[in-house]
C-alpha cells in the first residue's frame, strides 16, 4: 500500500489540504498530515484549525511514496521557505516519487526547478513562477511523477488524480461516484 505525506502550514487553504486527505483515505491510501510548524495544530487561511498526524522533524521520508503541497496564503510561502520541504520534494523528484501541488503551491515547485520540461498548472497569476514548465490551464496537469492543480475548485479532481496515480482510474471513478462527484 502507498503512503503519502501532505505538508501543512499555517495559512494553508483548508479545502485543498483536507479534501486530498479525505479522498485518499477513502481510497485506502495511507496519508499523514505533516505539520511544518512548531506544533501539531495548524490554522488555515480561513481560520479553521486542525491537528496534524505528524511533525516534520519526526518523519522518515524513506517511508513515503509521495509528498503533496496544498496552496493558500501565507501557507504556500511558508512551505517554499522551509528547507526541509524543499529537500524532500527535490529528492522525491530525483527518485521518481510523487510530487504534487495545488493552487499557489506549484510555484514552490517552479521556484525549485522541479517543473523543467513538465506540463503544469496553477492558480491564475502564478504562471510566471512555473519556471521551465509547459503551462496549461487544465484543472489538473499530470506529467509523470508530478501532479499540479489550479485551486480550491479543483481539489476533488486533484485528489482523484492522485488516487489514479497510486491505484488506478477505476478506483478514482469509484470514489468519485461514491461522493456524487459529477
N, C-alpha and C. Protein backbone atom coordinates (compact mmCIF):
# COMPACT_ATOMS: atom_id res chain seq x y z
N UNK A 1 0.84 -1.18 0.00
CA UNK A 1 0.00 0.00 0.00
C UNK A 1 0.89 1.25 0.00
N UNK A 2 0.43 2.26 -0.73
CA UNK A 2 1.17 3.52 -0.81
C UNK A 2 0.99 4.35 0.45
N UNK A 3 2.01 5.15 0.74
CA UNK A 3 1.95 6.06 1.87
C UNK A 3 2.40 7.44 1.39
N UNK A 4 1.60 8.44 1.72
CA UNK A 4 1.82 9.79 1.23
C UNK A 4 1.83 10.75 2.41
N UNK A 5 2.55 11.84 2.26
CA UNK A 5 2.53 12.91 3.25
C UNK A 5 2.06 14.20 2.61
N UNK A 6 1.29 14.98 3.35
CA UNK A 6 0.88 16.30 2.89
C UNK A 6 1.38 17.32 3.90
N UNK A 7 2.20 18.25 3.43
CA UNK A 7 2.80 19.25 4.30
C UNK A 7 1.77 20.35 4.60
N UNK A 8 1.58 20.63 5.88
CA UNK A 8 0.60 21.63 6.30
C UNK A 8 1.30 22.77 7.04
N UNK A 9 0.92 23.99 6.68
CA UNK A 9 1.46 25.18 7.33
C UNK A 9 0.32 26.14 7.64
N UNK A 10 0.50 26.95 8.66
CA UNK A 10 -0.50 27.98 8.95
C UNK A 10 -0.74 28.79 7.68
N UNK A 11 -2.00 29.07 7.42
CA UNK A 11 -2.35 29.83 6.23
C UNK A 11 -2.56 28.99 4.99
N UNK A 12 -2.59 27.66 5.15
CA UNK A 12 -2.88 26.81 4.00
C UNK A 12 -4.36 26.94 3.64
N UNK A 13 -4.69 26.57 2.42
CA UNK A 13 -6.10 26.53 2.01
C UNK A 13 -6.67 25.21 2.53
N UNK A 14 -7.57 25.31 3.48
CA UNK A 14 -8.09 24.13 4.17
C UNK A 14 -8.70 23.11 3.21
N UNK A 15 -9.53 23.56 2.28
CA UNK A 15 -10.20 22.62 1.37
C UNK A 15 -9.18 21.88 0.51
N UNK A 16 -8.17 22.56 0.05
CA UNK A 16 -7.16 21.90 -0.79
C UNK A 16 -6.40 20.82 -0.04
N UNK A 17 -6.14 21.05 1.23
CA UNK A 17 -5.43 20.05 2.02
C UNK A 17 -6.33 18.94 2.50
N UNK A 18 -7.42 19.30 3.15
CA UNK A 18 -8.28 18.30 3.78
C UNK A 18 -9.07 17.47 2.79
N UNK A 19 -9.42 18.02 1.64
CA UNK A 19 -10.09 17.23 0.60
C UNK A 19 -9.18 16.11 0.13
N UNK A 20 -7.92 16.43 -0.08
CA UNK A 20 -6.96 15.40 -0.51
C UNK A 20 -6.85 14.31 0.55
N UNK A 21 -6.73 14.71 1.81
CA UNK A 21 -6.62 13.73 2.90
C UNK A 21 -7.85 12.83 2.92
N UNK A 22 -9.02 13.42 2.86
CA UNK A 22 -10.27 12.67 2.90
C UNK A 22 -10.37 11.67 1.75
N UNK A 23 -10.16 12.13 0.54
CA UNK A 23 -10.32 11.25 -0.63
C UNK A 23 -9.27 10.15 -0.66
N UNK A 24 -8.03 10.46 -0.32
CA UNK A 24 -7.01 9.41 -0.31
C UNK A 24 -7.32 8.36 0.75
N UNK A 25 -7.80 8.78 1.90
CA UNK A 25 -8.16 7.81 2.94
C UNK A 25 -9.34 6.95 2.49
N UNK A 26 -10.31 7.53 1.81
CA UNK A 26 -11.43 6.75 1.27
C UNK A 26 -10.94 5.68 0.30
N UNK A 27 -9.87 6.02 -0.44
CA UNK A 27 -9.31 5.09 -1.43
C UNK A 27 -8.41 4.03 -0.79
N UNK A 28 -8.13 4.17 0.51
CA UNK A 28 -7.26 3.21 1.18
C UNK A 28 -5.80 3.56 1.09
N UNK A 29 -5.50 4.79 0.67
CA UNK A 29 -4.11 5.24 0.62
C UNK A 29 -3.77 5.88 1.96
N UNK A 30 -2.71 5.42 2.58
CA UNK A 30 -2.29 5.99 3.86
C UNK A 30 -1.72 7.37 3.62
N UNK A 31 -2.22 8.36 4.34
CA UNK A 31 -1.72 9.73 4.19
C UNK A 31 -1.57 10.38 5.56
N UNK A 32 -0.41 10.96 5.78
CA UNK A 32 -0.14 11.68 7.01
C UNK A 32 -0.20 13.17 6.74
N UNK A 33 -0.91 13.90 7.60
CA UNK A 33 -0.84 15.35 7.59
C UNK A 33 0.39 15.70 8.42
N UNK A 34 1.33 16.41 7.81
CA UNK A 34 2.61 16.70 8.44
C UNK A 34 2.71 18.20 8.70
N UNK A 35 2.77 18.57 9.95
CA UNK A 35 2.90 19.98 10.31
C UNK A 35 4.34 20.43 10.14
N UNK A 36 4.53 21.54 9.42
CA UNK A 36 5.85 22.13 9.31
C UNK A 36 6.02 23.24 10.36
N UNK A 37 4.99 23.44 11.16
CA UNK A 37 5.01 24.45 12.21
C UNK A 37 5.69 23.85 13.45
N UNK A 38 5.74 24.61 14.53
CA UNK A 38 6.37 24.12 15.75
C UNK A 38 5.40 23.38 16.65
N UNK A 39 4.18 23.18 16.19
CA UNK A 39 3.17 22.45 16.94
C UNK A 39 2.31 21.66 15.95
N UNK A 40 1.60 20.65 16.43
CA UNK A 40 0.78 19.84 15.52
C UNK A 40 -0.48 20.56 15.03
N UNK A 41 -0.94 21.58 15.76
CA UNK A 41 -2.13 22.31 15.32
C UNK A 41 -1.76 23.30 14.23
N UNK A 42 -2.52 23.26 13.14
CA UNK A 42 -2.33 24.19 12.03
C UNK A 42 -3.65 24.94 11.86
N UNK A 43 -3.56 26.23 11.60
CA UNK A 43 -4.73 27.05 11.34
C UNK A 43 -4.65 27.55 9.90
N UNK A 44 -5.66 27.18 9.13
CA UNK A 44 -5.68 27.53 7.72
C UNK A 44 -5.97 29.00 7.47
N UNK A 45 -5.99 29.35 6.19
CA UNK A 45 -6.16 30.75 5.80
C UNK A 45 -7.55 31.30 6.12
N UNK A 46 -8.50 30.41 6.40
CA UNK A 46 -9.85 30.84 6.76
C UNK A 46 -10.17 30.55 8.22
N UNK A 47 -9.10 30.47 9.03
CA UNK A 47 -9.18 30.34 10.49
C UNK A 47 -9.80 29.02 10.96
N UNK A 48 -9.69 27.99 10.14
CA UNK A 48 -10.11 26.64 10.53
C UNK A 48 -8.87 25.92 11.03
N UNK A 49 -8.92 25.45 12.27
CA UNK A 49 -7.77 24.76 12.87
C UNK A 49 -7.98 23.26 12.85
N UNK A 50 -6.89 22.54 12.71
CA UNK A 50 -6.93 21.08 12.74
C UNK A 50 -5.59 20.58 13.27
N UNK A 51 -5.59 19.33 13.71
CA UNK A 51 -4.40 18.72 14.28
C UNK A 51 -3.78 17.77 13.26
N UNK A 52 -2.51 17.94 13.01
CA UNK A 52 -1.80 17.08 12.07
C UNK A 52 -1.39 15.77 12.74
N UNK A 53 -1.13 14.77 11.90
CA UNK A 53 -0.75 13.44 12.39
C UNK A 53 0.70 13.38 12.85
N UNK A 54 1.54 14.16 12.19
CA UNK A 54 2.99 14.09 12.44
C UNK A 54 3.59 15.49 12.42
N UNK A 55 4.75 15.58 13.04
CA UNK A 55 5.56 16.79 12.98
C UNK A 55 6.68 16.56 11.95
N UNK A 56 7.04 17.58 11.22
CA UNK A 56 8.04 17.45 10.16
C UNK A 56 9.33 16.80 10.65
N UNK A 57 9.82 17.21 11.79
CA UNK A 57 11.10 16.66 12.27
C UNK A 57 11.01 15.21 12.73
N UNK A 58 9.79 14.67 12.82
CA UNK A 58 9.62 13.30 13.29
C UNK A 58 9.40 12.28 12.16
N UNK A 59 9.36 12.75 10.90
CA UNK A 59 9.08 11.81 9.82
C UNK A 59 10.37 11.21 9.26
N UNK A 60 10.23 10.04 8.67
CA UNK A 60 11.29 9.39 7.92
C UNK A 60 10.82 9.40 6.47
N UNK A 61 11.39 10.27 5.65
CA UNK A 61 10.94 10.44 4.27
C UNK A 61 11.00 9.15 3.47
N UNK A 62 11.90 8.24 3.83
CA UNK A 62 12.01 6.97 3.10
C UNK A 62 10.75 6.12 3.21
N UNK A 63 9.89 6.40 4.18
CA UNK A 63 8.64 5.65 4.36
C UNK A 63 7.53 6.12 3.42
N UNK A 64 7.76 7.20 2.70
CA UNK A 64 6.72 7.81 1.88
C UNK A 64 6.95 7.58 0.39
N UNK A 65 5.83 7.51 -0.33
CA UNK A 65 5.85 7.34 -1.79
C UNK A 65 5.54 8.65 -2.51
N UNK A 66 5.15 9.66 -1.76
CA UNK A 66 4.85 10.94 -2.37
C UNK A 66 4.64 12.01 -1.33
N UNK A 67 4.85 13.26 -1.75
CA UNK A 67 4.57 14.41 -0.90
C UNK A 67 3.69 15.39 -1.67
N UNK A 68 2.77 16.02 -0.93
CA UNK A 68 1.79 16.93 -1.51
C UNK A 68 1.88 18.27 -0.80
N UNK A 69 1.73 19.35 -1.58
CA UNK A 69 1.73 20.70 -1.05
C UNK A 69 0.39 21.36 -1.36
N UNK A 70 -0.40 21.71 -0.33
CA UNK A 70 -1.62 22.48 -0.58
C UNK A 70 -1.25 23.95 -0.77
N UNK A 71 -2.14 24.69 -1.41
CA UNK A 71 -1.91 26.11 -1.61
C UNK A 71 -2.42 26.92 -0.44
N UNK A 72 -2.82 28.14 -0.74
CA UNK A 72 -3.27 29.07 0.28
C UNK A 72 -2.14 29.98 0.71
N UNK A 73 -2.52 31.13 1.21
CA UNK A 73 -1.53 32.11 1.66
C UNK A 73 -1.80 32.50 3.10
N UNK A 74 -0.77 32.59 3.90
CA UNK A 74 0.64 32.51 3.53
C UNK A 74 1.23 31.10 3.62
N UNK A 75 0.37 30.07 3.64
CA UNK A 75 0.87 28.70 3.75
C UNK A 75 1.86 28.33 2.67
N UNK A 76 1.57 28.71 1.42
CA UNK A 76 2.48 28.40 0.32
C UNK A 76 3.84 29.05 0.55
N UNK A 77 3.83 30.29 0.98
CA UNK A 77 5.09 31.00 1.25
C UNK A 77 5.88 30.28 2.35
N UNK A 78 5.19 29.83 3.37
CA UNK A 78 5.85 29.11 4.47
C UNK A 78 6.47 27.81 3.97
N UNK A 79 5.73 27.05 3.14
CA UNK A 79 6.27 25.80 2.59
C UNK A 79 7.49 26.08 1.72
N UNK A 80 7.41 27.13 0.89
CA UNK A 80 8.51 27.46 0.00
C UNK A 80 9.76 27.93 0.72
N UNK A 81 9.60 28.43 1.94
CA UNK A 81 10.73 28.91 2.72
C UNK A 81 11.31 27.84 3.65
N UNK A 82 10.68 26.69 3.69
CA UNK A 82 11.11 25.63 4.60
C UNK A 82 12.10 24.70 3.89
N UNK A 83 13.35 24.75 4.30
CA UNK A 83 14.39 23.96 3.64
C UNK A 83 14.11 22.47 3.70
N UNK A 84 13.42 22.02 4.74
CA UNK A 84 13.10 20.59 4.85
C UNK A 84 12.13 20.17 3.75
N UNK A 85 11.13 21.00 3.49
CA UNK A 85 10.17 20.72 2.41
C UNK A 85 10.91 20.66 1.08
N UNK A 86 11.75 21.64 0.82
CA UNK A 86 12.48 21.71 -0.45
C UNK A 86 13.39 20.50 -0.62
N UNK A 87 14.09 20.13 0.42
CA UNK A 87 14.96 18.94 0.36
C UNK A 87 14.15 17.70 0.00
N UNK A 88 13.02 17.52 0.65
CA UNK A 88 12.19 16.33 0.39
C UNK A 88 11.63 16.30 -1.03
N UNK A 89 11.11 17.43 -1.50
CA UNK A 89 10.50 17.39 -2.83
C UNK A 89 11.55 17.24 -3.93
N UNK A 90 12.71 17.84 -3.75
CA UNK A 90 13.78 17.65 -4.74
C UNK A 90 14.26 16.21 -4.76
N UNK A 91 14.39 15.62 -3.60
CA UNK A 91 14.81 14.22 -3.50
C UNK A 91 13.78 13.30 -4.16
N UNK A 92 12.50 13.57 -3.87
CA UNK A 92 11.44 12.72 -4.43
C UNK A 92 11.39 12.84 -5.95
N UNK A 93 11.61 14.02 -6.48
CA UNK A 93 11.62 14.17 -7.94
C UNK A 93 12.71 13.29 -8.54
N UNK A 94 13.91 13.33 -7.97
CA UNK A 94 15.03 12.53 -8.47
C UNK A 94 14.75 11.03 -8.35
N UNK A 95 14.05 10.64 -7.27
CA UNK A 95 13.77 9.23 -7.04
C UNK A 95 12.56 8.73 -7.84
N UNK A 96 11.89 9.61 -8.54
CA UNK A 96 10.71 9.22 -9.31
C UNK A 96 9.47 9.05 -8.46
N UNK A 97 9.48 9.58 -7.24
CA UNK A 97 8.31 9.51 -6.36
C UNK A 97 7.40 10.71 -6.63
N UNK A 98 6.15 10.59 -6.23
CA UNK A 98 5.17 11.64 -6.49
C UNK A 98 5.51 12.95 -5.79
N UNK A 99 5.41 14.03 -6.54
CA UNK A 99 5.46 15.39 -6.01
C UNK A 99 4.23 16.08 -6.58
N UNK A 100 3.33 16.56 -5.70
CA UNK A 100 2.08 17.15 -6.15
C UNK A 100 1.84 18.47 -5.42
N UNK A 101 1.22 19.42 -6.13
CA UNK A 101 0.95 20.73 -5.55
C UNK A 101 -0.28 21.34 -6.21
N UNK A 102 -1.03 22.11 -5.43
CA UNK A 102 -2.26 22.71 -5.92
C UNK A 102 -2.29 24.21 -5.61
N UNK A 103 -2.97 24.97 -6.47
CA UNK A 103 -3.25 26.39 -6.30
C UNK A 103 -1.97 27.21 -6.45
N UNK A 104 -1.53 27.89 -5.41
CA UNK A 104 -0.29 28.66 -5.45
C UNK A 104 0.93 27.77 -5.25
N UNK A 105 0.75 26.60 -4.66
CA UNK A 105 1.89 25.75 -4.30
C UNK A 105 2.73 25.24 -5.48
N UNK A 106 2.18 25.10 -6.70
CA UNK A 106 3.07 24.75 -7.81
C UNK A 106 4.21 25.77 -8.00
N UNK A 107 4.02 26.99 -7.49
CA UNK A 107 5.09 27.98 -7.58
C UNK A 107 6.32 27.52 -6.79
N UNK A 108 6.10 26.80 -5.70
CA UNK A 108 7.23 26.25 -4.92
C UNK A 108 8.01 25.26 -5.78
N UNK A 109 7.29 24.46 -6.56
CA UNK A 109 7.95 23.51 -7.46
C UNK A 109 8.73 24.25 -8.54
N UNK A 110 8.09 25.27 -9.14
CA UNK A 110 8.76 26.05 -10.18
C UNK A 110 9.99 26.78 -9.67
N UNK A 111 9.87 27.36 -8.48
CA UNK A 111 10.99 28.09 -7.90
C UNK A 111 12.19 27.18 -7.61
N UNK A 112 11.94 25.88 -7.53
CA UNK A 112 12.99 24.92 -7.19
C UNK A 112 13.32 23.97 -8.34
N UNK A 113 13.04 24.42 -9.57
CA UNK A 113 13.40 23.68 -10.79
C UNK A 113 12.83 22.27 -10.87
N UNK A 114 11.66 22.07 -10.29
CA UNK A 114 11.04 20.75 -10.30
C UNK A 114 10.12 20.59 -11.52
N UNK A 115 9.80 21.68 -12.19
CA UNK A 115 8.85 21.63 -13.30
C UNK A 115 9.52 21.67 -14.67
N UNK A 116 10.83 21.60 -14.72
CA UNK A 116 11.54 21.66 -16.00
C UNK A 116 11.02 20.61 -16.98
N UNK A 117 10.48 21.08 -18.11
CA UNK A 117 10.00 20.19 -19.16
C UNK A 117 8.71 19.47 -18.84
N UNK A 118 8.04 19.83 -17.75
CA UNK A 118 6.80 19.18 -17.34
C UNK A 118 5.60 20.06 -17.67
N UNK A 119 4.46 19.45 -17.93
CA UNK A 119 3.21 20.19 -18.01
C UNK A 119 2.80 20.52 -16.58
N UNK A 120 2.36 21.76 -16.38
CA UNK A 120 1.96 22.17 -15.04
C UNK A 120 0.90 23.26 -15.12
N UNK A 121 0.13 23.35 -14.05
CA UNK A 121 -0.90 24.37 -13.93
C UNK A 121 -0.84 24.94 -12.52
N UNK A 122 -1.50 26.08 -12.33
CA UNK A 122 -1.51 26.71 -11.02
C UNK A 122 -2.68 27.68 -10.94
N UNK A 123 -2.81 28.30 -9.79
CA UNK A 123 -3.80 29.36 -9.63
C UNK A 123 -3.46 30.50 -10.57
N UNK A 124 -4.47 31.11 -11.22
CA UNK A 124 -4.18 32.22 -12.13
C UNK A 124 -3.36 33.31 -11.45
N UNK A 125 -2.33 33.77 -12.15
CA UNK A 125 -1.44 34.79 -11.62
C UNK A 125 -0.11 34.22 -11.13
N UNK A 126 -0.03 32.90 -10.99
CA UNK A 126 1.21 32.26 -10.55
C UNK A 126 1.96 31.58 -11.70
N UNK A 127 1.44 31.71 -12.92
CA UNK A 127 2.03 31.02 -14.06
C UNK A 127 3.50 31.39 -14.28
N UNK A 128 3.86 32.65 -14.02
CA UNK A 128 5.24 33.07 -14.23
C UNK A 128 6.22 32.41 -13.26
N UNK A 129 5.70 31.81 -12.21
CA UNK A 129 6.55 31.12 -11.23
C UNK A 129 6.74 29.64 -11.58
N UNK A 130 6.08 29.16 -12.64
CA UNK A 130 6.19 27.75 -13.03
C UNK A 130 7.39 27.60 -13.98
N UNK A 131 8.55 27.97 -13.52
CA UNK A 131 9.76 28.04 -14.34
C UNK A 131 10.07 26.71 -15.02
N UNK A 132 10.25 26.80 -16.34
CA UNK A 132 10.62 25.64 -17.12
C UNK A 132 9.48 24.74 -17.51
N UNK A 133 8.27 25.05 -17.06
CA UNK A 133 7.10 24.21 -17.34
C UNK A 133 6.42 24.58 -18.64
N UNK A 134 5.72 23.63 -19.21
CA UNK A 134 4.76 23.90 -20.26
C UNK A 134 3.46 24.20 -19.51
N UNK A 135 3.12 25.47 -19.40
CA UNK A 135 1.97 25.89 -18.60
C UNK A 135 0.67 25.60 -19.34
N UNK A 136 -0.23 24.91 -18.65
CA UNK A 136 -1.56 24.60 -19.18
C UNK A 136 -2.61 25.15 -18.22
N UNK A 137 -3.84 25.25 -18.71
CA UNK A 137 -4.93 25.75 -17.85
C UNK A 137 -5.93 24.65 -17.50
N UNK A 138 -5.55 23.42 -17.68
CA UNK A 138 -6.40 22.30 -17.30
C UNK A 138 -6.61 22.31 -15.79
N UNK A 139 -7.73 21.75 -15.29
CA UNK A 139 -7.94 21.69 -13.84
C UNK A 139 -6.82 20.96 -13.11
N UNK A 140 -6.29 19.92 -13.75
CA UNK A 140 -5.19 19.13 -13.19
C UNK A 140 -4.22 18.81 -14.32
N UNK A 141 -2.95 18.91 -14.04
CA UNK A 141 -1.92 18.50 -15.01
C UNK A 141 -1.13 17.36 -14.39
N UNK A 142 -1.08 16.24 -15.10
CA UNK A 142 -0.31 15.08 -14.66
C UNK A 142 0.81 14.87 -15.68
N UNK A 143 2.04 14.89 -15.21
CA UNK A 143 3.19 14.66 -16.09
C UNK A 143 4.19 13.79 -15.33
N UNK A 144 4.12 12.51 -15.58
CA UNK A 144 5.00 11.57 -14.88
C UNK A 144 4.68 11.57 -13.39
N UNK A 145 5.70 11.86 -12.58
CA UNK A 145 5.51 11.83 -11.13
C UNK A 145 5.19 13.21 -10.54
N UNK A 146 4.80 14.15 -11.41
CA UNK A 146 4.42 15.49 -10.95
C UNK A 146 2.97 15.75 -11.30
N UNK A 147 2.17 16.12 -10.27
CA UNK A 147 0.76 16.45 -10.46
C UNK A 147 0.55 17.85 -9.89
N UNK A 148 -0.07 18.72 -10.71
CA UNK A 148 -0.39 20.07 -10.25
C UNK A 148 -1.86 20.35 -10.53
N UNK A 149 -2.41 21.33 -9.81
CA UNK A 149 -3.82 21.66 -9.98
C UNK A 149 -4.03 23.14 -9.71
N UNK A 150 -5.19 23.67 -10.11
CA UNK A 150 -5.42 25.11 -10.16
C UNK A 150 -5.90 25.75 -8.87
N UNK A 151 -6.70 25.07 -8.05
CA UNK A 151 -7.18 25.74 -6.85
C UNK A 151 -8.28 25.00 -6.14
N UNK A 152 -8.88 25.67 -5.18
CA UNK A 152 -9.89 25.06 -4.32
C UNK A 152 -10.98 24.34 -5.12
N UNK A 153 -11.43 24.95 -6.19
CA UNK A 153 -12.49 24.34 -7.00
C UNK A 153 -12.06 23.10 -7.75
N UNK A 154 -10.77 22.83 -7.82
CA UNK A 154 -10.27 21.63 -8.49
C UNK A 154 -9.69 20.61 -7.51
N UNK A 155 -9.95 20.82 -6.22
CA UNK A 155 -9.35 19.94 -5.20
C UNK A 155 -9.80 18.49 -5.33
N UNK A 156 -11.06 18.26 -5.68
CA UNK A 156 -11.52 16.87 -5.85
C UNK A 156 -10.85 16.25 -7.07
N UNK A 157 -10.78 17.00 -8.18
CA UNK A 157 -10.10 16.49 -9.38
C UNK A 157 -8.65 16.13 -9.04
N UNK A 158 -7.99 17.00 -8.30
CA UNK A 158 -6.60 16.81 -7.89
C UNK A 158 -6.45 15.54 -7.06
N UNK A 159 -7.30 15.39 -6.06
CA UNK A 159 -7.23 14.21 -5.19
C UNK A 159 -7.50 12.93 -5.98
N UNK A 160 -8.47 12.97 -6.88
CA UNK A 160 -8.78 11.78 -7.68
C UNK A 160 -7.63 11.45 -8.65
N UNK A 161 -6.93 12.46 -9.14
CA UNK A 161 -5.75 12.22 -9.98
C UNK A 161 -4.66 11.51 -9.18
N UNK A 162 -4.53 11.85 -7.90
CA UNK A 162 -3.55 11.18 -7.04
C UNK A 162 -3.97 9.74 -6.80
N UNK A 163 -5.27 9.51 -6.61
CA UNK A 163 -5.77 8.13 -6.47
C UNK A 163 -5.44 7.34 -7.74
N UNK A 164 -5.70 7.93 -8.91
CA UNK A 164 -5.37 7.25 -10.17
C UNK A 164 -3.89 6.94 -10.26
N UNK A 165 -3.06 7.85 -9.81
CA UNK A 165 -1.61 7.67 -9.86
C UNK A 165 -1.18 6.47 -9.02
N UNK A 166 -1.71 6.36 -7.81
CA UNK A 166 -1.28 5.29 -6.91
C UNK A 166 -2.04 3.98 -7.10
N UNK A 167 -3.29 4.05 -7.50
CA UNK A 167 -4.09 2.82 -7.64
C UNK A 167 -4.43 2.64 -9.12
N UNK A 168 -5.50 3.27 -9.56
CA UNK A 168 -5.85 3.28 -10.98
C UNK A 168 -7.09 4.15 -11.19
N UNK A 169 -7.41 4.38 -12.45
CA UNK A 169 -8.53 5.24 -12.79
C UNK A 169 -9.87 4.65 -12.34
N UNK A 170 -9.98 3.33 -12.34
CA UNK A 170 -11.22 2.69 -11.89
C UNK A 170 -11.51 3.02 -10.42
N UNK A 171 -10.48 2.99 -9.59
CA UNK A 171 -10.66 3.32 -8.18
C UNK A 171 -11.04 4.80 -8.03
N UNK A 172 -10.40 5.66 -8.81
CA UNK A 172 -10.74 7.09 -8.77
C UNK A 172 -12.19 7.30 -9.18
N UNK A 173 -12.64 6.60 -10.23
CA UNK A 173 -14.04 6.69 -10.67
C UNK A 173 -14.99 6.19 -9.59
N UNK A 174 -14.60 5.09 -8.94
CA UNK A 174 -15.42 4.53 -7.86
C UNK A 174 -15.59 5.54 -6.71
N UNK A 175 -14.49 6.17 -6.33
CA UNK A 175 -14.54 7.18 -5.26
C UNK A 175 -15.39 8.37 -5.73
N UNK A 176 -15.18 8.80 -6.95
CA UNK A 176 -15.95 9.92 -7.50
C UNK A 176 -17.45 9.65 -7.47
N UNK A 177 -17.84 8.44 -7.84
CA UNK A 177 -19.26 8.07 -7.81
C UNK A 177 -19.78 8.02 -6.38
N UNK A 178 -18.98 7.49 -5.46
CA UNK A 178 -19.41 7.36 -4.07
C UNK A 178 -19.64 8.72 -3.41
N UNK A 179 -18.92 9.73 -3.85
CA UNK A 179 -19.10 11.07 -3.25
C UNK A 179 -20.01 11.95 -4.11
N UNK A 180 -20.63 11.36 -5.10
CA UNK A 180 -21.53 12.06 -6.03
C UNK A 180 -20.79 13.18 -6.74
N UNK A 181 -19.59 12.89 -7.23
CA UNK A 181 -18.79 13.85 -7.98
C UNK A 181 -19.17 13.76 -9.44
N UNK A 182 -19.68 14.81 -9.97
CA UNK A 182 -20.12 14.96 -11.38
C UNK A 182 -21.31 14.11 -11.68
